[in-house]
Amino acid sequence: VQLQAFGGGLVQAGGSLKLSCAASGRAIMHYHMGWFRQAPGKEREFVAASGRSGGMEYVDSVKGRFTVSRSNAKNTMYLQMNSLRPEDTAVYYCHILRTNYWGQGTQVTVSS
């Protein structure tokens, strides 16, 4: 299976971005999936999860600002990020939970 994350970019604080994670090789409807991020000098951290039954989870720091969703028809997971802050700057990765499958990462930079 391959995961391709895209949609990152440079945005001012308070702005929005929508990340996409397109999967090929397997149908994501069978899997719990998540978004993670890694800022310079820091460990990779969990951001949000999309359960195969529709459940969602978020790290406290993004609750109310980020929304994870998926389109099983498009075999794609999304992360809508609003009210972005400089501390959200990181490389964002998509991941099929409990597997070794990761996307290549997409850079999100939020300027103050």
Protein backbone atom coordinates (compact mmCIF):
# COMPACT_ATOMS: atom_id res chain seq x y z
CA VAL A 1 0.00 0.00 0.00
CA GLN A 2 1.16 3.53 -0.71
CA LEU A 3 0.10 6.70 1.04
CA GLN A 4 0.66 10.09 -0.52
CA ALA A 5 0.16 13.17 1.61
CA PHE A 6 -0.16 16.58 0.04
CA GLY A 7 -1.70 19.99 0.62
CA GLY A 8 0.89 21.53 2.90
CA GLY A 9 2.30 24.98 2.43
CA LEU A 10 3.07 28.33 3.99
CA VAL A 11 0.23 30.16 5.71
CA GLN A 12 -0.09 33.05 8.12
CA ALA A 13 -1.24 32.50 11.67
CA GLY A 14 -5.00 32.25 11.77
CA GLY A 15 -5.15 30.79 8.30
CA SER A 16 -6.32 27.42 7.04
CA LEU A 17 -4.98 24.48 5.09
CA LYS A 18 -6.47 21.17 4.07
CA LEU A 19 -4.23 18.15 3.87
CA SER A 20 -5.07 15.07 1.85
CA CYS A 21 -3.74 11.54 2.11
CA ALA A 22 -4.43 9.46 -0.95
CA ALA A 23 -4.06 5.71 -0.56
CA SER A 24 -3.45 3.13 -3.24
CA GLY A 25 -3.14 -0.60 -3.07
CA ARG A 26 -5.64 -1.12 -0.26
CA ALA A 27 -9.01 0.29 0.61
CA ILE A 28 -8.82 2.58 3.62
CA MET A 29 -12.35 1.66 4.64
CA HIS A 30 -10.88 -1.37 6.39
CA TYR A 31 -8.42 0.60 8.49
CA HIS A 32 -8.09 3.07 11.31
CA MET A 33 -5.98 5.92 10.02
CA GLY A 34 -4.23 8.86 11.56
CA TRP A 35 -2.31 12.06 11.08
CA PHE A 36 0.95 12.67 12.88
CA ARG A 37 3.39 15.55 12.79
CA GLN A 38 7.03 16.16 13.51
CA ALA A 39 8.45 19.57 14.25
CA PRO A 40 12.18 20.31 13.97
CA GLY A 41 14.05 18.86 16.91
CA LYS A 42 10.97 17.13 18.29
CA GLU A 43 9.59 13.63 18.21
CA ARG A 44 6.77 12.66 15.93
CA GLU A 45 3.43 13.17 17.67
CA PHE A 46 -0.14 12.06 17.16
CA VAL A 47 -2.50 14.71 15.79
CA ALA A 48 -5.78 13.06 14.81
CA ALA A 49 -7.30 9.70 14.02
CA SER A 50 -10.12 8.56 11.80
CA GLY A 51 -11.65 5.25 12.80
CA ARG A 52 -12.96 2.87 10.20
CA SER A 53 -16.37 3.08 11.86
CA GLY A 54 -16.41 6.86 11.78
CA GLY A 55 -14.93 7.73 15.16
CA MET A 56 -12.48 10.59 15.49
CA GLU A 57 -9.81 11.49 18.03
CA TYR A 58 -7.60 14.53 18.41
CA VAL A 59 -4.68 15.65 20.47
CA ASP A 60 -5.82 18.35 22.88
CA SER A 61 -3.80 21.08 21.20
CA VAL A 62 -5.80 20.87 17.95
CA LYS A 63 -9.29 20.18 19.29
CA GLY A 64 -11.77 22.68 17.92
CA ARG A 65 -9.37 23.74 15.16
CA PHE A 66 -8.65 20.59 13.14
CA THR A 67 -11.11 18.16 11.62
CA VAL A 68 -10.21 14.74 10.29
CA SER A 69 -12.40 13.11 7.68
CA ARG A 70 -12.24 10.51 4.98
CA SER A 71 -13.79 9.60 1.66
CA ASN A 72 -13.82 5.86 1.25
CA ALA A 73 -15.03 6.35 -2.32
CA LYS A 74 -11.90 8.38 -3.10
CA ASN A 75 -9.73 6.25 -0.81
CA THR A 76 -8.52 9.47 0.76
CA MET A 77 -8.24 10.88 4.27
CA TYR A 78 -8.27 14.61 4.98
CA LEU A 79 -7.20 16.99 7.69
CA GLN A 80 -8.86 20.39 7.67
CA MET A 81 -6.74 22.76 9.72
CA ASN A 82 -8.21 26.09 10.78
CA SER A 83 -6.94 28.85 13.08
CA LEU A 84 -3.41 27.70 12.47
CA ARG A 85 -0.70 28.72 14.91
CA PRO A 86 3.08 28.94 14.52
CA GLU A 87 3.39 25.93 16.84
CA ASP A 88 1.51 23.85 14.25
CA THR A 89 4.55 24.13 11.99
CA ALA A 90 5.75 20.61 11.23
CA VAL A 91 5.94 17.90 8.65
CA TYR A 92 2.59 16.12 8.65
CA TYR A 93 2.38 12.41 7.97
CA CYS A 94 -0.54 10.12 7.35
CA HIS A 95 -0.44 6.60 8.71
CA ILE A 96 -2.45 3.43 8.72
CA LEU A 97 -2.63 2.72 12.43
CA ARG A 98 -1.10 -0.48 13.75
CA THR A 99 0.87 -0.98 10.54
CA ASN A 100 4.18 0.17 9.14
CA TYR A 101 2.55 2.18 6.38
CA TRP A 102 3.34 5.90 6.39
CA GLY A 103 3.00 8.63 3.82
CA GLN A 104 6.02 10.68 2.81
CA GLY A 105 5.01 13.80 4.72
CA THR A 106 3.95 17.28 3.70
CA GLN A 107 5.40 20.44 5.20
CA VAL A 108 3.13 22.90 6.96
CA THR A 109 4.66 26.23 7.92
CA VAL A 110 2.70 28.82 9.87
CA SER A 111 4.20 32.29 10.06
CA SER A 112 3.46 34.66 12.92
